[in-house]
Amino acid sequence: MPSLIIIHLSNLFKMNEETTNQIQLLFSGFCFIIWIKVLSKSKEELMEHSLTLVKSMQFGQEDCFFAFCGYSKTEAHHSFGPAIRDVYVIHIVLEGRGTYSVGNQRYDLQEGQGFVVPPGQSVFYQADGEEPWSYVWMGLGGHLLPRYLQALGLQSGQWSFELSALQEFKALVFESLAYEGSGITAELALQRQVYRFLELLSQRLKQTSLITESRRVNPYVQQVLELLSSHLPESLSVQELAQKLALHPTYLSRLFKDEVGKGIKEYSNDLRLNMAADLLTSSQLSVEEIANKTGFAGTQSFSKAFKKARGQSPLNFRKASSHLGQEL
């Protein structure tokens, strides 16, 4: 049975023979449950070809720890964000093209390149319309991680990179997806995967600067983005933002929309709802706690806004995600 399922997976994710052999070896005893979960998703979700594993570590690793990992083959113009993460998320682009925006930087990326989503900053990334990308990612936390990334040349102002051996990263992430069990064995296995991922990154990273800033973001708009990110629970109004920047609300609104492509209120709402979706799939917080954390007046207003945006209630969204198939 495992060999047959690996053939199905290789067709679904377009693996080459070398990667298929690696996955077949690594998945021994695990692939059946993963394939069943993929089949349980709806047709629309299968079109995204996405797999995700989210883990809450029971024993705690403060220096460097695993948070989640996954694979996604996106469709044209598929986007993620605006969103804020509480851990670092490292993406490896396996094929296709896309763009990634963080702070006042815009990166145009393609196969053989990657990008880092830093915690606490609003980010947005989108697949190309003609050559949509596919990528694997791993979410990592811990107080030593910034030092590790800095040693690799990945830090504020330089969140993109170029690398080789893409199939090795793909195989490592797919192996990590197998360790979904609870208990110390699975947790230690994922801790090992974290350091293997970082070791592989250090070995395959090419020392090339890939910042491609199509334009610098207007400084006032940049301040609004930072204020919205840092004051997420407060849900700042246009008037409050304008007052902080000593600008007229109408002028600030027009400036922001011209630069970002959507109004301040819409952007703020998207940011809060994306953060809520993230918390629903990656935490055990109650709906009420998530509503408070993301700046909604109460559970009722949060549920109404969430259902309007996502087509289902927060609780149904949490149940449907089952920690698998949701892009993180």
Protein backbone atom coordinates (compact mmCIF):
# COMPACT_ATOMS: atom_id res chain seq x y z
CA MET A 1 0.00 0.00 0.00
CA PRO A 2 2.68 2.66 0.85
CA SER A 3 4.31 2.27 -2.61
CA LEU A 4 0.97 2.73 -4.37
CA ILE A 5 0.18 5.85 -2.35
CA ILE A 6 3.59 7.35 -3.09
CA ILE A 7 2.81 7.01 -6.81
CA HIS A 8 -0.40 8.99 -6.27
CA LEU A 9 1.48 11.64 -4.30
CA SER A 10 4.19 11.88 -6.95
CA ASN A 11 1.52 12.52 -9.60
CA LEU A 12 -0.30 15.07 -7.44
CA PHE A 13 2.81 17.04 -6.55
CA LYS A 14 4.81 16.38 -9.75
CA MET A 15 7.83 14.91 -7.98
CA ASN A 16 10.74 13.62 -10.00
CA GLU A 17 11.92 10.03 -9.58
CA GLU A 18 14.70 10.96 -7.16
CA THR A 19 12.36 12.82 -4.81
CA THR A 20 9.74 10.06 -5.03
CA ASN A 21 12.30 7.51 -3.92
CA GLN A 22 13.31 9.73 -0.99
CA ILE A 23 9.72 10.26 0.10
CA GLN A 24 8.95 6.55 -0.24
CA LEU A 25 11.83 5.75 2.06
CA LEU A 26 11.05 8.51 4.54
CA PHE A 27 7.29 8.02 4.70
CA SER A 28 7.39 4.34 5.55
CA GLY A 29 4.30 3.68 7.67
CA PHE A 30 3.02 7.27 7.52
CA CYS A 31 1.87 7.98 3.97
CA PHE A 32 -1.54 6.27 4.23
CA ILE A 33 -2.90 8.65 6.85
CA ILE A 34 -1.65 11.71 4.95
CA TRP A 35 -3.22 10.51 1.69
CA ILE A 36 -6.55 9.87 3.43
CA LYS A 37 -6.56 13.42 4.78
CA VAL A 38 -5.85 14.86 1.35
CA LEU A 39 -8.78 12.91 -0.08
CA SER A 40 -11.04 14.25 2.65
CA LYS A 41 -10.60 17.83 1.49
CA SER A 42 -13.06 19.41 -0.92
CA LYS A 43 -12.43 19.67 -4.64
CA GLU A 44 -11.68 23.37 -4.31
CA GLU A 45 -9.02 22.77 -1.65
CA LEU A 46 -7.43 20.02 -3.73
CA MET A 47 -7.05 22.53 -6.53
CA GLU A 48 -4.67 24.41 -4.22
CA HIS A 49 -2.65 21.19 -3.64
CA SER A 50 -1.76 22.15 -0.10
CA LEU A 51 -0.50 20.14 2.87
CA THR A 52 0.24 21.54 6.30
CA LEU A 53 1.33 20.21 9.67
CA VAL A 54 0.91 22.40 12.77
CA LYS A 55 2.32 21.29 16.12
CA SER A 56 2.11 22.71 19.63
CA MET A 57 5.24 21.53 21.40
CA GLN A 58 4.43 20.01 24.79
CA PHE A 59 7.90 20.05 26.28
CA GLY A 60 9.00 23.51 25.12
CA GLN A 61 12.18 24.43 23.29
CA GLU A 62 13.10 28.03 23.96
CA ASP A 63 16.27 28.20 21.87
CA CYS A 64 14.90 26.97 18.52
CA PHE A 65 11.66 25.10 17.91
CA PHE A 66 9.33 23.74 15.21
CA ALA A 67 5.96 25.49 14.73
CA PHE A 68 4.62 24.21 11.41
CA CYS A 69 5.57 23.23 7.88
CA GLY A 70 3.83 22.66 4.59
CA TYR A 71 3.67 22.54 0.83
CA SER A 72 1.48 24.53 -1.54
CA LYS A 73 1.03 24.55 -5.29
CA THR A 74 -0.92 27.73 -5.91
CA GLU A 75 -3.13 28.90 -8.73
CA ALA A 76 -2.68 32.09 -10.73
CA HIS A 77 -2.81 35.26 -8.59
CA HIS A 78 -3.33 33.24 -5.40
CA SER A 79 -2.30 35.48 -2.49
CA PHE A 80 -1.67 35.34 1.23
CA GLY A 81 -1.99 38.34 3.52
CA PRO A 82 -1.85 40.92 4.69
CA ALA A 83 -0.90 38.87 7.72
CA ILE A 84 1.37 38.96 10.76
CA ARG A 85 3.16 35.87 12.07
CA ASP A 86 4.52 35.25 15.57
CA VAL A 87 7.38 33.05 14.31
CA TYR A 88 9.78 33.11 11.36
CA VAL A 89 8.49 31.33 8.24
CA ILE A 90 11.06 30.30 5.63
CA HIS A 91 9.72 29.61 2.12
CA ILE A 92 11.57 27.74 -0.64
CA VAL A 93 10.21 28.37 -4.16
CA LEU A 94 10.21 25.08 -6.07
CA GLU A 95 8.80 26.32 -9.37
CA GLY A 96 7.01 29.29 -10.90
CA ARG A 97 7.11 32.95 -9.92
CA GLY A 98 5.59 35.33 -7.39
CA THR A 99 6.10 38.51 -5.41
CA TYR A 100 6.68 39.09 -1.72
CA SER A 101 6.25 42.40 0.11
CA VAL A 102 7.43 43.20 3.62
CA GLY A 103 7.97 46.66 5.05
CA ASN A 104 9.08 48.95 2.23
CA GLN A 105 10.62 46.14 0.18
CA ARG A 106 9.20 44.19 -2.72
CA TYR A 107 10.84 40.97 -3.92
CA ASP A 108 10.20 39.40 -7.33
CA LEU A 109 11.03 35.73 -6.87
CA GLN A 110 11.19 32.54 -8.89
CA GLU A 111 12.28 28.90 -8.79
CA GLY A 112 15.51 28.42 -6.85
CA GLN A 113 14.90 31.40 -4.59
CA GLY A 114 13.25 31.84 -1.21
CA PHE A 115 12.07 34.36 1.33
CA VAL A 116 11.72 34.78 5.08
CA VAL A 117 8.58 36.06 6.78
CA PRO A 118 9.77 37.75 10.00
CA PRO A 119 7.53 37.79 13.08
CA GLY A 120 5.61 40.89 14.02
CA GLN A 121 5.56 42.47 10.54
CA SER A 122 2.71 42.70 8.07
CA VAL A 123 3.51 40.76 4.89
CA PHE A 124 1.82 39.98 1.60
CA TYR A 125 2.77 37.53 -1.14
CA GLN A 126 1.11 36.55 -4.40
CA ALA A 127 1.59 34.02 -7.18
CA ASP A 128 2.33 35.15 -10.72
CA GLY A 129 -0.61 35.23 -13.12
CA GLU A 130 1.10 33.17 -15.83
CA GLU A 131 3.57 31.04 -13.86
CA PRO A 132 2.08 30.57 -10.38
CA TRP A 133 4.58 29.27 -7.88
CA SER A 134 4.74 26.25 -5.66
CA TYR A 135 6.77 26.22 -2.48
CA VAL A 136 7.50 24.47 0.78
CA TRP A 137 7.79 26.31 4.08
CA MET A 138 8.78 25.79 7.67
CA GLY A 139 7.75 27.94 10.62
CA LEU A 140 10.44 28.26 13.30
CA GLY A 141 10.71 30.11 16.61
CA GLY A 142 13.10 30.53 19.50
CA HIS A 143 15.47 33.18 20.81
CA LEU A 144 18.48 31.73 18.95
CA LEU A 145 16.82 31.74 15.54
CA PRO A 146 17.45 35.45 14.73
CA ARG A 147 21.16 34.87 15.40
CA TYR A 148 21.21 31.80 13.15
CA LEU A 149 19.49 33.69 10.34
CA GLN A 150 21.73 36.72 10.77
CA ALA A 151 24.77 34.45 10.45
CA LEU A 152 23.32 33.35 7.10
CA GLY A 153 22.86 36.97 6.00
CA LEU A 154 19.09 36.92 6.48
CA GLN A 155 17.90 39.90 8.50
CA SER A 156 15.99 43.17 8.25
CA GLY A 157 16.55 44.62 4.79
CA GLN A 158 17.50 41.25 3.32
CA TRP A 159 14.70 38.71 3.52
CA SER A 160 15.28 36.93 0.20
CA PHE A 161 17.91 34.46 -0.90
CA GLU A 162 19.01 32.11 -3.66
CA LEU A 163 19.77 28.44 -3.13
CA SER A 164 20.32 25.07 -4.80
CA ALA A 165 19.15 21.47 -4.19
CA LEU A 166 15.44 22.28 -4.11
CA GLN A 167 14.41 18.63 -4.01
CA GLU A 168 16.33 18.13 -0.76
CA PHE A 169 14.23 20.82 0.92
CA LYS A 170 11.06 19.31 -0.54
CA ALA A 171 11.97 15.85 0.75
CA LEU A 172 12.81 17.21 4.21
CA VAL A 173 9.49 19.04 4.55
CA PHE A 174 7.51 16.04 3.33
CA GLU A 175 9.34 13.87 5.84
CA SER A 176 8.39 16.36 8.56
CA LEU A 177 4.73 16.07 7.59
CA ALA A 178 4.86 12.45 8.67
CA TYR A 179 5.58 13.29 12.32
CA GLU A 180 2.04 14.32 13.23
CA GLY A 181 1.76 12.04 16.24
CA SER A 182 1.72 13.32 19.81
CA GLY A 183 4.33 12.58 22.43
CA ILE A 184 8.02 13.03 22.96
CA THR A 185 9.11 10.89 19.99
CA ALA A 186 7.34 13.01 17.38
CA GLU A 187 8.40 16.22 19.10
CA LEU A 188 12.07 15.23 19.19
CA ALA A 189 11.87 14.13 15.57
CA LEU A 190 10.55 17.57 14.56
CA GLN A 191 13.26 19.28 16.60
CA ARG A 192 15.77 17.27 14.60
CA GLN A 193 14.06 18.40 11.39
CA VAL A 194 14.46 22.05 12.43
CA TYR A 195 18.21 21.77 12.70
CA ARG A 196 18.44 19.67 9.54
CA PHE A 197 16.49 22.38 7.69
CA LEU A 198 18.80 25.12 8.99
CA GLU A 199 21.90 23.05 8.25
CA LEU A 200 20.69 22.41 4.70
CA LEU A 201 19.93 26.10 4.27
CA SER A 202 23.45 27.02 5.37
CA GLN A 203 24.93 24.49 2.93
CA ARG A 204 22.79 25.38 -0.11
CA LEU A 205 22.48 29.15 0.32
CA LYS A 206 24.12 31.26 -2.38
CA GLN A 207 25.55 34.54 -1.22
CA THR A 208 23.60 36.77 -3.58
CA SER A 209 21.52 39.85 -2.88
CA LEU A 210 18.05 39.50 -4.35
CA ILE A 211 16.30 42.64 -3.17
CA THR A 212 14.25 43.96 -6.06
CA GLU A 213 12.44 47.08 -4.92
CA SER A 214 10.13 48.23 -7.67
CA ARG A 215 9.61 51.37 -5.64
CA ARG A 216 10.00 52.66 -2.14
CA VAL A 217 6.78 52.81 -0.16
CA ASN A 218 5.63 56.33 0.73
CA PRO A 219 6.92 57.10 4.27
CA TYR A 220 3.44 58.06 5.52
CA VAL A 221 1.97 54.83 4.16
CA GLN A 222 4.83 52.89 5.71
CA GLN A 223 4.01 54.45 9.09
CA VAL A 224 0.36 53.47 8.71
CA LEU A 225 1.35 49.87 7.95
CA GLU A 226 3.55 49.78 11.02
CA LEU A 227 0.88 51.34 13.24
CA LEU A 228 -1.78 48.90 12.06
CA SER A 229 0.54 45.97 12.73
CA SER A 230 1.68 47.11 16.16
CA HIS A 231 -1.80 48.21 17.32
CA LEU A 232 -3.80 45.32 15.87
CA PRO A 233 -6.08 44.76 18.91
CA GLU A 234 -6.94 48.47 19.04
CA SER A 235 -8.27 48.59 15.46
CA LEU A 236 -7.17 52.18 14.82
CA SER A 237 -9.55 54.31 12.74
CA VAL A 238 -8.54 56.47 9.78
CA GLN A 239 -9.10 59.55 11.94
CA GLU A 240 -6.82 58.24 14.70
CA LEU A 241 -4.10 57.34 12.20
CA ALA A 242 -4.35 60.73 10.52
CA GLN A 243 -4.09 62.45 13.88
CA LYS A 244 -0.94 60.52 14.77
CA LEU A 245 0.66 61.52 11.46
CA ALA A 246 -0.68 65.10 11.50
CA LEU A 247 -2.40 64.62 8.13
CA HIS A 248 -5.93 65.17 6.88
CA PRO A 249 -7.90 61.87 6.93
CA THR A 250 -9.04 62.25 3.31
CA TYR A 251 -5.51 62.89 2.07
CA LEU A 252 -4.11 59.96 4.06
CA SER A 253 -6.85 57.64 2.77
CA ARG A 254 -6.16 58.59 -0.85
CA LEU A 255 -2.41 58.25 -0.34
CA PHE A 256 -2.79 54.80 1.20
CA LYS A 257 -5.16 53.46 -1.46
CA ASP A 258 -2.96 54.69 -4.31
CA GLU A 259 0.04 52.94 -2.74
CA VAL A 260 -1.50 49.71 -1.40
CA GLY A 261 -4.45 49.19 -3.74
CA LYS A 262 -7.12 49.08 -1.03
CA GLY A 263 -8.48 51.44 1.61
CA ILE A 264 -7.15 51.62 5.18
CA LYS A 265 -10.31 50.15 6.69
CA GLU A 266 -10.35 47.25 4.21
CA TYR A 267 -6.65 46.56 4.73
CA SER A 268 -7.02 46.64 8.52
CA ASN A 269 -10.02 44.32 8.38
CA ASP A 270 -8.17 41.85 6.12
CA LEU A 271 -5.19 41.95 8.46
CA ARG A 272 -7.31 41.17 11.53
CA LEU A 273 -9.30 38.40 9.81
CA ASN A 274 -6.17 36.73 8.45
CA MET A 275 -4.63 36.84 11.90
CA ALA A 276 -7.83 35.33 13.32
CA ALA A 277 -7.76 32.52 10.74
CA ASP A 278 -4.15 31.86 11.65
CA LEU A 279 -4.99 31.65 15.36
CA LEU A 280 -7.96 29.37 14.70
CA THR A 281 -5.76 26.83 12.92
CA SER A 282 -2.56 27.14 14.96
CA SER A 283 -3.73 27.72 18.56
CA GLN A 284 -6.17 26.44 21.15
CA LEU A 285 -7.51 29.93 21.96
CA SER A 286 -11.27 30.23 22.22
CA VAL A 287 -13.27 32.22 19.68
CA GLU A 288 -13.83 34.91 22.31
CA GLU A 289 -10.09 35.18 23.03
CA ILE A 290 -9.28 35.40 19.31
CA ALA A 291 -11.94 38.10 18.83
CA ASN A 292 -10.36 40.18 21.62
CA LYS A 293 -6.83 39.56 20.36
CA THR A 294 -7.68 40.75 16.86
CA GLY A 295 -9.53 43.91 17.81
CA PHE A 296 -13.20 42.96 17.41
CA ALA A 297 -15.82 44.38 19.75
CA GLY A 298 -17.09 40.94 20.71
CA THR A 299 -17.67 37.36 19.64
CA GLN A 300 -20.83 38.17 17.70
CA SER A 301 -19.31 40.93 15.57
CA PHE A 302 -16.19 38.80 14.99
CA SER A 303 -18.20 35.73 13.93
CA LYS A 304 -20.33 37.81 11.58
CA ALA A 305 -17.30 39.43 9.92
CA PHE A 306 -15.43 36.14 9.72
CA LYS A 307 -18.36 34.27 8.13
CA LYS A 308 -18.85 37.05 5.59
CA ALA A 309 -15.16 36.88 4.58
CA ARG A 310 -14.60 33.11 4.78
CA GLY A 311 -18.05 31.68 4.11
CA GLN A 312 -18.24 29.78 7.39
CA SER A 313 -18.24 30.43 11.13
CA PRO A 314 -14.95 30.51 13.07
CA LEU A 315 -15.72 27.16 14.75
CA ASN A 316 -16.59 25.45 11.46
CA PHE A 317 -13.45 26.92 9.89
CA ARG A 318 -11.36 25.47 12.73
CA LYS A 319 -12.99 22.04 12.37
CA ALA A 320 -12.65 22.03 8.58
CA SER A 321 -8.99 22.97 8.61
CA SER A 322 -8.00 19.97 10.80
CA HIS A 323 -4.44 21.35 10.69
CA LEU A 324 -4.10 20.21 7.11
CA GLY A 325 -4.65 21.90 3.78
CA GLN A 326 -4.62 25.47 5.04
CA GLU A 327 -1.79 27.65 3.81
CA LEU A 328 0.16 29.23 6.65
